[in-house]
Every structure is written in structure tokens, then in C-alpha cells.
Amino acid sequence: MKLVPVLLFSCLPLLAGAQEKLPQDVAQFVDNAQMCEHFAGEWDDNDKARQREITQAIEQSCGQAQKQWKRLSAKYAGQPALKKLIAEHANDAVRSFRK
């Protein structure tokens, strides 16, 4: 089960190549928002250890993405293309995250 996060994180460099034209802070937000949405969609009632891993990953990725979303929305308010990209990646899991 620990192999799943390793595989997911090993794919991040591939995603980074597609985002290299973005400012670094925006690219990091996109990565965190995608991971947040991924883990928020997982649930395993039968495996308590796996559920703890999922909960920890949600708290980390969604918490970071939510903080970044608020900061970046203000920072790039005057840049419509980046503002749109940020809004598109602020998925429900990011917007509704509560610790």
C-alpha cells in the first residue's frame, strides 16, 4: 500500500515538465490541488492503516493547496490567464477542506 504514494510522487517530474512555463508557486499549487483531489476521492473502510495514510495525505495536500489558493488568487489578481488557471485548479476538495 505504501507503493501507491511512491508511484504518484514519481510522476510529478513529468507533470512539472508540462508546467515549466508557469511561475513556480503556481505550478506547486497545481500539483498540490491535483493530489488533494486524488486523495479526497479515496476511501477505504476496511483498511484502517490505509485510511490513516489517506487522511494524512489529504491534510497535507489540501491544507497546502488551500493556503496557496488564497495567497495566489490575491497575488495574480491582475493576470487573467494565471487567475483563471488558479481558479480552475481550486477544486471542491481544495475549497472545502477543513482540518
PDB file of N, CA and C in Angstrom:
ATOM      1  N   MET A   1       0.802  -1.197   0.000  1.00  0.00           N
ATOM      2  CA  MET A   1       0.000   0.000   0.000  1.00  0.00           C
ATOM      3  C   MET A   1       0.849   1.268   0.000  1.00  0.00           C
ATOM      4  N   LYS A   2       2.043   1.179   0.537  1.00  0.00           N
ATOM      5  CA  LYS A   2       2.908   2.349   0.539  1.00  0.00           C
ATOM      6  C   LYS A   2       3.465   2.629  -0.840  1.00  0.00           C
ATOM      7  N   LEU A   3       3.287   1.697  -1.751  1.00  0.00           N
ATOM      8  CA  LEU A   3       3.782   1.843  -3.111  1.00  0.00           C
ATOM      9  C   LEU A   3       2.973   2.883  -3.883  1.00  0.00           C
ATOM     10  N   VAL A   4       1.684   3.023  -3.567  1.00  0.00           N
ATOM     11  CA  VAL A   4       0.822   3.957  -4.296  1.00  0.00           C
ATOM     12  C   VAL A   4       1.337   5.390  -4.196  1.00  0.00           C
ATOM     13  N   PRO A   5       1.605   5.922  -2.980  1.00  0.00           N
ATOM     14  CA  PRO A   5       2.131   7.297  -2.919  1.00  0.00           C
ATOM     15  C   PRO A   5       3.475   7.445  -3.623  1.00  0.00           C
ATOM     16  N   VAL A   6       4.303   6.421  -3.549  1.00  0.00           N
ATOM     17  CA  VAL A   6       5.606   6.480  -4.211  1.00  0.00           C
ATOM     18  C   VAL A   6       5.413   6.601  -5.720  1.00  0.00           C
ATOM     19  N   LEU A   7       4.498   5.817  -6.265  1.00  0.00           N
ATOM     20  CA  LEU A   7       4.229   5.882  -7.700  1.00  0.00           C
ATOM     21  C   LEU A   7       3.660   7.237  -8.104  1.00  0.00           C
ATOM     22  N   LEU A   8       2.752   7.761  -7.281  1.00  0.00           N
ATOM     23  CA  LEU A   8       2.164   9.061  -7.584  1.00  0.00           C
ATOM     24  C   LEU A   8       3.213  10.166  -7.588  1.00  0.00           C
ATOM     25  N   PHE A   9       4.057  10.157  -6.562  1.00  0.00           N
ATOM     26  CA  PHE A   9       5.067  11.209  -6.467  1.00  0.00           C
ATOM     27  C   PHE A   9       6.157  11.042  -7.517  1.00  0.00           C
ATOM     28  N   SER A  10       6.361   9.833  -7.993  1.00  0.00           N
ATOM     29  CA  SER A  10       7.371   9.631  -9.035  1.00  0.00           C
ATOM     30  C   SER A  10       6.918  10.218 -10.367  1.00  0.00           C
ATOM     31  N   CYS A  11       5.618  10.444 -10.523  1.00  0.00           N
ATOM     32  CA  CYS A  11       5.093  11.027 -11.753  1.00  0.00           C
ATOM     33  C   CYS A  11       5.138  12.555 -11.741  1.00  0.00           C
ATOM     34  N   LEU A  12       5.375  13.151 -10.595  1.00  0.00           N
ATOM     35  CA  LEU A  12       5.385  14.612 -10.502  1.00  0.00           C
ATOM     36  C   LEU A  12       6.398  15.284 -11.418  1.00  0.00           C
ATOM     37  N   PRO A  13       7.609  14.717 -11.615  1.00  0.00           N
ATOM     38  CA  PRO A  13       8.515  15.372 -12.558  1.00  0.00           C
ATOM     39  C   PRO A  13       7.953  15.444 -13.970  1.00  0.00           C
ATOM     40  N   LEU A  14       7.154  14.463 -14.374  1.00  0.00           N
ATOM     41  CA  LEU A  14       6.534  14.508 -15.691  1.00  0.00           C
ATOM     42  C   LEU A  14       5.537  15.644 -15.778  1.00  0.00           C
ATOM     43  N   LEU A  15       4.774  15.839 -14.714  1.00  0.00           N
ATOM     44  CA  LEU A  15       3.833  16.946 -14.677  1.00  0.00           C
ATOM     45  C   LEU A  15       4.560  18.285 -14.652  1.00  0.00           C
ATOM     46  N   ALA A  16       5.663  18.341 -13.972  1.00  0.00           N
ATOM     47  CA  ALA A  16       6.423  19.592 -13.867  1.00  0.00           C
ATOM     48  C   ALA A  16       6.908  20.046 -15.235  1.00  0.00           C
ATOM     49  N   GLY A  17       7.264  19.117 -16.096  1.00  0.00           N
ATOM     50  CA  GLY A  17       7.707  19.474 -17.443  1.00  0.00           C
ATOM     51  C   GLY A  17       6.613  20.176 -18.224  1.00  0.00           C
ATOM     52  N   ALA A  18       5.371  19.743 -18.017  1.00  0.00           N
ATOM     53  CA  ALA A  18       4.249  20.363 -18.705  1.00  0.00           C
ATOM     54  C   ALA A  18       3.927  21.730 -18.119  1.00  0.00           C
ATOM     55  N   GLN A  19       4.377  22.005 -16.920  1.00  0.00           N
ATOM     56  CA  GLN A  19       4.056  23.253 -16.245  1.00  0.00           C
ATOM     57  C   GLN A  19       5.254  24.200 -16.158  1.00  0.00           C
ATOM     58  N   GLU A  20       6.303  23.926 -16.882  1.00  0.00           N
ATOM     59  CA  GLU A  20       7.510  24.724 -16.684  1.00  0.00           C
ATOM     60  C   GLU A  20       7.345  26.186 -17.084  1.00  0.00           C
ATOM     61  N   LYS A  21       6.315  26.531 -17.856  1.00  0.00           N
ATOM     62  CA  LYS A  21       6.098  27.921 -18.220  1.00  0.00           C
ATOM     63  C   LYS A  21       5.349  28.682 -17.129  1.00  0.00           C
ATOM     64  N   LEU A  22       4.834  27.965 -16.165  1.00  0.00           N
ATOM     65  CA  LEU A  22       4.120  28.604 -15.059  1.00  0.00           C
ATOM     66  C   LEU A  22       5.113  29.100 -14.013  1.00  0.00           C
ATOM     67  N   PRO A  23       4.736  30.149 -13.291  1.00  0.00           N
ATOM     68  CA  PRO A  23       5.557  30.532 -12.141  1.00  0.00           C
ATOM     69  C   PRO A  23       5.631  29.344 -11.172  1.00  0.00           C
ATOM     70  N   GLN A  24       6.734  29.207 -10.487  1.00  0.00           N
ATOM     71  CA  GLN A  24       6.958  28.062  -9.621  1.00  0.00           C
ATOM     72  C   GLN A  24       5.868  27.917  -8.558  1.00  0.00           C
ATOM     73  N   ASP A  25       5.435  29.031  -7.979  1.00  0.00           N
ATOM     74  CA  ASP A  25       4.411  28.937  -6.934  1.00  0.00           C
ATOM     75  C   ASP A  25       3.073  28.440  -7.488  1.00  0.00           C
ATOM     76  N   VAL A  26       2.754  28.814  -8.714  1.00  0.00           N
ATOM     77  CA  VAL A  26       1.513  28.352  -9.337  1.00  0.00           C
ATOM     78  C   VAL A  26       1.622  26.869  -9.693  1.00  0.00           C
ATOM     79  N   ALA A  27       2.760  26.465 -10.219  1.00  0.00           N
ATOM     80  CA  ALA A  27       2.971  25.057 -10.558  1.00  0.00           C
ATOM     81  C   ALA A  27       2.864  24.179  -9.310  1.00  0.00           C
ATOM     82  N   GLN A  28       3.414  24.644  -8.198  1.00  0.00           N
ATOM     83  CA  GLN A  28       3.327  23.892  -6.947  1.00  0.00           C
ATOM     84  C   GLN A  28       1.882  23.799  -6.468  1.00  0.00           C
ATOM     85  N   PHE A  29       1.138  24.886  -6.619  1.00  0.00           N
ATOM     86  CA  PHE A  29      -0.276  24.873  -6.254  1.00  0.00           C
ATOM     87  C   PHE A  29      -1.043  23.856  -7.094  1.00  0.00           C
ATOM     88  N   VAL A  30      -0.796  23.839  -8.390  1.00  0.00           N
ATOM     89  CA  VAL A  30      -1.474  22.886  -9.276  1.00  0.00           C
ATOM     90  C   VAL A  30      -1.183  21.458  -8.828  1.00  0.00           C
ATOM     91  N   ASP A  31       0.070  21.166  -8.530  1.00  0.00           N
ATOM     92  CA  ASP A  31       0.435  19.821  -8.052  1.00  0.00           C
ATOM     93  C   ASP A  31      -0.310  19.474  -6.755  1.00  0.00           C
ATOM     94  N   ASN A  32      -0.302  20.398  -5.803  1.00  0.00           N
ATOM     95  CA  ASN A  32      -0.982  20.147  -4.524  1.00  0.00           C
ATOM     96  C   ASN A  32      -2.490  19.984  -4.710  1.00  0.00           C
ATOM     97  N   ALA A  33      -3.084  20.802  -5.566  1.00  0.00           N
ATOM     98  CA  ALA A  33      -4.525  20.717  -5.808  1.00  0.00           C
ATOM     99  C   ALA A  33      -4.894  19.382  -6.461  1.00  0.00           C
ATOM    100  N   GLN A  34      -4.063  18.922  -7.391  1.00  0.00           N
ATOM    101  CA  GLN A  34      -4.323  17.627  -8.030  1.00  0.00           C
ATOM    102  C   GLN A  34      -4.196  16.477  -7.029  1.00  0.00           C
ATOM    103  N   MET A  35      -3.193  16.536  -6.187  1.00  0.00           N
ATOM    104  CA  MET A  35      -3.023  15.493  -5.174  1.00  0.00           C
ATOM    105  C   MET A  35      -4.169  15.545  -4.164  1.00  0.00           C
ATOM    106  N   CYS A  36      -4.606  16.728  -3.814  1.00  0.00           N
ATOM    107  CA  CYS A  36      -5.721  16.903  -2.893  1.00  0.00           C
ATOM    108  C   CYS A  36      -6.974  16.236  -3.461  1.00  0.00           C
ATOM    109  N   GLU A  37      -7.273  16.523  -4.698  1.00  0.00           N
ATOM    110  CA  GLU A  37      -8.464  15.945  -5.330  1.00  0.00           C
ATOM    111  C   GLU A  37      -8.355  14.421  -5.415  1.00  0.00           C
ATOM    112  N   HIS A  38      -7.168  13.940  -5.741  1.00  0.00           N
ATOM    113  CA  HIS A  38      -6.960  12.497  -5.845  1.00  0.00           C
ATOM    114  C   HIS A  38      -7.235  11.805  -4.509  1.00  0.00           C
ATOM    115  N   PHE A  39      -6.583  12.261  -3.458  1.00  0.00           N
ATOM    116  CA  PHE A  39      -6.729  11.607  -2.167  1.00  0.00           C
ATOM    117  C   PHE A  39      -8.112  11.825  -1.559  1.00  0.00           C
ATOM    118  N   ALA A  40      -8.739  12.956  -1.831  1.00  0.00           N
ATOM    119  CA  ALA A  40     -10.082  13.200  -1.311  1.00  0.00           C
ATOM    120  C   ALA A  40     -11.087  12.231  -1.929  1.00  0.00           C
ATOM    121  N   GLY A  41     -10.774  11.699  -3.095  1.00  0.00           N
ATOM    122  CA  GLY A  41     -11.656  10.749  -3.757  1.00  0.00           C
ATOM    123  C   GLY A  41     -11.447   9.308  -3.323  1.00  0.00           C
ATOM    124  N   GLU A  42     -10.478   9.072  -2.458  1.00  0.00           N
ATOM    125  CA  GLU A  42     -10.210   7.706  -1.994  1.00  0.00           C
ATOM    126  C   GLU A  42     -10.821   7.502  -0.618  1.00  0.00           C
ATOM    127  N   TRP A  43     -11.252   6.285  -0.376  1.00  0.00           N
ATOM    128  CA  TRP A  43     -11.755   5.941   0.944  1.00  0.00           C
ATOM    129  C   TRP A  43     -11.688   4.435   1.063  1.00  0.00           C
ATOM    130  N   ASP A  44     -11.252   3.956   2.209  1.00  0.00           N
ATOM    131  CA  ASP A  44     -11.138   2.522   2.424  1.00  0.00           C
ATOM    132  C   ASP A  44     -11.566   2.200   3.842  1.00  0.00           C
ATOM    133  N   ASP A  45     -12.838   1.815   3.991  1.00  0.00           N
ATOM    134  CA  ASP A  45     -13.368   1.493   5.316  1.00  0.00           C
ATOM    135  C   ASP A  45     -12.768   0.224   5.903  1.00  0.00           C
ATOM    136  N   ASN A  46     -12.264  -0.645   5.057  1.00  0.00           N
ATOM    137  CA  ASN A  46     -11.785  -1.941   5.519  1.00  0.00           C
ATOM    138  C   ASN A  46     -10.345  -1.927   6.009  1.00  0.00           C
ATOM    139  N   ASP A  47      -9.587  -0.942   5.637  1.00  0.00           N
ATOM    140  CA  ASP A  47      -8.160  -0.910   5.984  1.00  0.00           C
ATOM    141  C   ASP A  47      -7.866   0.376   6.765  1.00  0.00           C
ATOM    142  N   LYS A  48      -7.830   0.262   8.075  1.00  0.00           N
ATOM    143  CA  LYS A  48      -7.639   1.437   8.937  1.00  0.00           C
ATOM    144  C   LYS A  48      -6.279   2.096   8.730  1.00  0.00           C
ATOM    145  N   ALA A  49      -5.243   1.287   8.495  1.00  0.00           N
ATOM    146  CA  ALA A  49      -3.908   1.853   8.277  1.00  0.00           C
ATOM    147  C   ALA A  49      -3.887   2.671   6.987  1.00  0.00           C
ATOM    148  N   ARG A  50      -4.491   2.138   5.947  1.00  0.00           N
ATOM    149  CA  ARG A  50      -4.544   2.861   4.670  1.00  0.00           C
ATOM    150  C   ARG A  50      -5.368   4.133   4.827  1.00  0.00           C
ATOM    151  N   GLN A  51      -6.450   4.064   5.578  1.00  0.00           N
ATOM    152  CA  GLN A  51      -7.278   5.247   5.782  1.00  0.00           C
ATOM    153  C   GLN A  51      -6.498   6.340   6.509  1.00  0.00           C
ATOM    154  N   ARG A  52      -5.646   5.958   7.460  1.00  0.00           N
ATOM    155  CA  ARG A  52      -4.796   6.958   8.140  1.00  0.00           C
ATOM    156  C   ARG A  52      -3.842   7.614   7.141  1.00  0.00           C
ATOM    157  N   GLU A  53      -3.278   6.806   6.229  1.00  0.00           N
ATOM    158  CA  GLU A  53      -2.379   7.356   5.206  1.00  0.00           C
ATOM    159  C   GLU A  53      -3.119   8.339   4.309  1.00  0.00           C
ATOM    160  N   ILE A  54      -4.329   7.972   3.911  1.00  0.00           N
ATOM    161  CA  ILE A  54      -5.131   8.846   3.046  1.00  0.00           C
ATOM    162  C   ILE A  54      -5.464  10.144   3.778  1.00  0.00           C
ATOM    163  N   THR A  55      -5.873  10.029   5.030  1.00  0.00           N
ATOM    164  CA  THR A  55      -6.212  11.214   5.828  1.00  0.00           C
ATOM    165  C   THR A  55      -5.008  12.139   5.963  1.00  0.00           C
ATOM    166  N   GLN A  56      -3.845  11.570   6.211  1.00  0.00           N
ATOM    167  CA  GLN A  56      -2.624  12.377   6.329  1.00  0.00           C
ATOM    168  C   GLN A  56      -2.294  13.061   5.000  1.00  0.00           C
ATOM    169  N   ALA A  57      -2.432  12.342   3.893  1.00  0.00           N
ATOM    170  CA  ALA A  57      -2.153  12.927   2.580  1.00  0.00           C
ATOM    171  C   ALA A  57      -3.145  14.039   2.254  1.00  0.00           C
ATOM    172  N   ILE A  58      -4.404  13.859   2.644  1.00  0.00           N
ATOM    173  CA  ILE A  58      -5.420  14.896   2.423  1.00  0.00           C
ATOM    174  C   ILE A  58      -5.073  16.144   3.230  1.00  0.00           C
ATOM    175  N   GLU A  59      -4.744  15.953   4.497  1.00  0.00           N
ATOM    176  CA  GLU A  59      -4.423  17.107   5.341  1.00  0.00           C
ATOM    177  C   GLU A  59      -3.230  17.874   4.793  1.00  0.00           C
ATOM    178  N   GLN A  60      -2.229  17.144   4.305  1.00  0.00           N
ATOM    179  CA  GLN A  60      -1.039  17.807   3.779  1.00  0.00           C
ATOM    180  C   GLN A  60      -1.331  18.510   2.448  1.00  0.00           C
ATOM    181  N   SER A  61      -1.836  17.780   1.472  1.00  0.00           N
ATOM    182  CA  SER A  61      -2.012  18.367   0.136  1.00  0.00           C
ATOM    183  C   SER A  61      -3.144  19.386   0.098  1.00  0.00           C
ATOM    184  N   CYS A  62      -4.272  19.071   0.709  1.00  0.00           N
ATOM    185  CA  CYS A  62      -5.399  20.009   0.691  1.00  0.00           C
ATOM    186  C   CYS A  62      -5.108  21.248   1.541  1.00  0.00           C
ATOM    187  N   GLY A  63      -4.459  21.046   2.686  1.00  0.00           N
ATOM    188  CA  GLY A  63      -4.103  22.188   3.529  1.00  0.00           C
ATOM    189  C   GLY A  63      -3.165  23.150   2.818  1.00  0.00           C
ATOM    190  N   GLN A  64      -2.141  22.593   2.178  1.00  0.00           N
ATOM    191  CA  GLN A  64      -1.206  23.434   1.424  1.00  0.00           C
ATOM    192  C   GLN A  64      -1.900  24.121   0.255  1.00  0.00           C
ATOM    193  N   ALA A  65      -2.685  23.353  -0.501  1.00  0.00           N
ATOM    194  CA  ALA A  65      -3.348  23.914  -1.680  1.00  0.00           C
ATOM    195  C   ALA A  65      -4.304  25.037  -1.296  1.00  0.00           C
ATOM    196  N   GLN A  66      -5.025  24.866  -0.191  1.00  0.00           N
ATOM    197  CA  GLN A  66      -5.961  25.902   0.223  1.00  0.00           C
ATOM    198  C   GLN A  66      -5.234  27.196   0.605  1.00  0.00           C
ATOM    199  N   LYS A  67      -4.137  27.071   1.340  1.00  0.00           N
ATOM    200  CA  LYS A  67      -3.342  28.255   1.689  1.00  0.00           C
ATOM    201  C   LYS A  67      -2.792  28.922   0.434  1.00  0.00           C
ATOM    202  N   GLN A  68      -2.258  28.103  -0.474  1.00  0.00           N
ATOM    203  CA  GLN A  68      -1.695  28.635  -1.711  1.00  0.00           C
ATOM    204  C   GLN A  68      -2.774  29.304  -2.552  1.00  0.00           C
ATOM    205  N   TRP A  69      -3.941  28.693  -2.627  1.00  0.00           N
ATOM    206  CA  TRP A  69      -5.039  29.220  -3.436  1.00  0.00           C
ATOM    207  C   TRP A  69      -5.387  30.643  -3.010  1.00  0.00           C
ATOM    208  N   LYS A  70      -5.543  30.844  -1.724  1.00  0.00           N
ATOM    209  CA  LYS A  70      -5.899  32.171  -1.223  1.00  0.00           C
ATOM    210  C   LYS A  70      -4.791  33.191  -1.502  1.00  0.00           C
ATOM    211  N   ARG A  71      -3.558  32.782  -1.262  1.00  0.00           N
ATOM    212  CA  ARG A  71      -2.424  33.695  -1.467  1.00  0.00           C
ATOM    213  C   ARG A  71      -2.226  34.007  -2.952  1.00  0.00           C
ATOM    214  N   LEU A  72      -2.286  32.962  -3.790  1.00  0.00           N
ATOM    215  CA  LEU A  72      -2.034  33.155  -5.220  1.00  0.00           C
ATOM    216  C   LEU A  72      -3.177  33.903  -5.904  1.00  0.00           C
ATOM    217  N   SER A  73      -4.404  33.698  -5.433  1.00  0.00           N
ATOM    218  CA  SER A  73      -5.535  34.436  -6.009  1.00  0.00           C
ATOM    219  C   SER A  73      -5.334  35.934  -5.851  1.00  0.00           C
ATOM    220  N   ALA A  74      -4.826  36.339  -4.712  1.00  0.00           N
ATOM    221  CA  ALA A  74      -4.554  37.762  -4.483  1.00  0.00           C
ATOM    222  C   ALA A  74      -3.320  38.213  -5.269  1.00  0.00           C
ATOM    223  N   LYS A  75      -2.274  37.399  -5.252  1.00  0.00           N
ATOM    224  CA  LYS A  75      -1.016  37.768  -5.908  1.00  0.00           C
ATOM    225  C   LYS A  75      -1.185  37.953  -7.414  1.00  0.00           C
ATOM    226  N   TYR A  76      -1.968  37.070  -8.043  1.00  0.00           N
ATOM    227  CA  TYR A  76      -2.110  37.105  -9.502  1.00  0.00           C
ATOM    228  C   TYR A  76      -3.464  37.653  -9.951  1.00  0.00           C
ATOM    229  N   ALA A  77      -4.110  38.455  -9.106  1.00  0.00           N
ATOM    230  CA  ALA A  77      -5.425  39.016  -9.432  1.00  0.00           C
ATOM    231  C   ALA A  77      -5.396  39.850 -10.705  1.00  0.00           C
ATOM    232  N   GLY A  78      -4.277  40.474 -10.986  1.00  0.00           N
ATOM    233  CA  GLY A  78      -4.160  41.316 -12.173  1.00  0.00           C
ATOM    234  C   GLY A  78      -3.688  40.593 -13.422  1.00  0.00           C
ATOM    235  N   GLN A  79      -3.550  39.275 -13.359  1.00  0.00           N
ATOM    236  CA  GLN A  79      -3.097  38.487 -14.504  1.00  0.00           C
ATOM    237  C   GLN A  79      -4.185  37.460 -14.837  1.00  0.00           C
ATOM    238  N   PRO A  80      -5.072  37.809 -15.770  1.00  0.00           N
ATOM    239  CA  PRO A  80      -6.250  36.990 -16.047  1.00  0.00           C
ATOM    240  C   PRO A  80      -5.954  35.517 -16.379  1.00  0.00           C
ATOM    241  N   ALA A  81      -4.913  35.241 -17.130  1.00  0.00           N
ATOM    242  CA  ALA A  81      -4.624  33.853 -17.510  1.00  0.00           C
ATOM    243  C   ALA A  81      -4.253  33.016 -16.283  1.00  0.00           C
ATOM    244  N   LEU A  82      -3.386  33.571 -15.429  1.00  0.00           N
ATOM    245  CA  LEU A  82      -2.998  32.848 -14.221  1.00  0.00           C
ATOM    246  C   LEU A  82      -4.153  32.778 -13.223  1.00  0.00           C
ATOM    247  N   LYS A  83      -4.920  33.851 -13.134  1.00  0.00           N
ATOM    248  CA  LYS A  83      -6.074  33.866 -12.239  1.00  0.00           C
ATOM    249  C   LYS A  83      -7.060  32.769 -12.639  1.00  0.00           C
ATOM    250  N   LYS A  84      -7.286  32.604 -13.941  1.00  0.00           N
ATOM    251  CA  LYS A  84      -8.195  31.568 -14.447  1.00  0.00           C
ATOM    252  C   LYS A  84      -7.655  30.170 -14.132  1.00  0.00           C
ATOM    253  N   LEU A  85      -6.372  29.966 -14.356  1.00  0.00           N
ATOM    254  CA  LEU A  85      -5.744  28.671 -14.091  1.00  0.00           C
ATOM    255  C   LEU A  85      -5.853  28.309 -12.603  1.00  0.00           C
ATOM    256  N   ILE A  86      -5.590  29.267 -11.764  1.00  0.00           N
ATOM    257  CA  ILE A  86      -5.680  29.053 -10.316  1.00  0.00           C
ATOM    258  C   ILE A  86      -7.122  28.688  -9.937  1.00  0.00           C
ATOM    259  N   ALA A  87      -8.084  29.416 -10.469  1.00  0.00           N
ATOM    260  CA  ALA A  87      -9.499  29.155 -10.164  1.00  0.00           C
ATOM    261  C   ALA A  87      -9.916  27.765 -10.656  1.00  0.00           C
ATOM    262  N   GLU A  88      -9.428  27.376 -11.826  1.00  0.00           N
ATOM    263  CA  GLU A  88      -9.777  26.061 -12.379  1.00  0.00           C
ATOM    264  C   GLU A  88      -9.240  24.919 -11.516  1.00  0.00           C
ATOM    265  N   HIS A  89      -8.100  25.124 -10.890  1.00  0.00           N
ATOM    266  CA  HIS A  89      -7.500  24.065 -10.078  1.00  0.00           C
ATOM    267  C   HIS A  89      -7.929  24.117  -8.610  1.00  0.00           C
ATOM    268  N   ALA A  90      -8.647  25.166  -8.248  1.00  0.00           N
ATOM    269  CA  ALA A  90      -9.179  25.247  -6.880  1.00  0.00           C
ATOM    270  C   ALA A  90     -10.449  24.397  -6.851  1.00  0.00           C
ATOM    271  N   ASN A  91     -10.275  23.079  -6.910  1.00  0.00           N
ATOM    272  CA  ASN A  91     -11.391  22.146  -6.963  1.00  0.00           C
ATOM    273  C   ASN A  91     -12.161  22.133  -5.650  1.00  0.00           C
ATOM    274  N   ASP A  92     -13.265  21.393  -5.636  1.00  0.00           N
ATOM    275  CA  ASP A  92     -14.089  21.330  -4.423  1.00  0.00           C
ATOM    276  C   ASP A  92     -13.320  20.859  -3.207  1.00  0.00           C
ATOM    277  N   ALA A  93     -12.415  19.910  -3.401  1.00  0.00           N
ATOM    278  CA  ALA A  93     -11.640  19.387  -2.268  1.00  0.00           C
ATOM    279  C   ALA A  93     -10.760  20.485  -1.668  1.00  0.00           C
ATOM    280  N   VAL A  94     -10.200  21.332  -2.502  1.00  0.00           N
ATOM    281  CA  VAL A  94      -9.368  22.444  -2.015  1.00  0.00           C
ATOM    282  C   VAL A  94     -10.239  23.486  -1.332  1.00  0.00           C
ATOM    283  N   ARG A  95     -11.317  23.876  -1.980  1.00  0.00           N
ATOM    284  CA  ARG A  95     -12.181  24.936  -1.453  1.00  0.00           C
ATOM    285  C   ARG A  95     -12.861  24.552  -0.138  1.00  0.00           C
ATOM    286  N   SER A  96     -13.228  23.298   0.007  1.00  0.00           N
ATOM    287  CA  SER A  96     -13.999  22.897   1.176  1.00  0.00           C
ATOM    288  C   SER A  96     -13.179  22.239   2.281  1.00  0.00           C
ATOM    289  N   PHE A  97     -11.857  22.164   2.113  1.00  0.00           N
ATOM    290  CA  PHE A  97     -11.038  21.496   3.109  1.00  0.00           C
ATOM    291  C   PHE A  97     -11.154  22.166   4.466  1.00  0.00           C
ATOM    292  N   ARG A  98     -11.377  21.341   5.489  1.00  0.00           N
ATOM    293  CA  ARG A  98     -11.389  21.797   6.883  1.00  0.00           C
ATOM    294  C   ARG A  98     -10.610  20.793   7.696  1.00  0.00           C
ATOM    295  N   LYS A  99      -9.682  21.267   8.481  1.00  0.00           N
ATOM    296  CA  LYS A  99      -8.891  20.364   9.313  1.00  0.00           C
ATOM    297  C   LYS A  99      -9.567  20.117  10.628  1.00  0.00           C
TER     298      LYS A  99
END
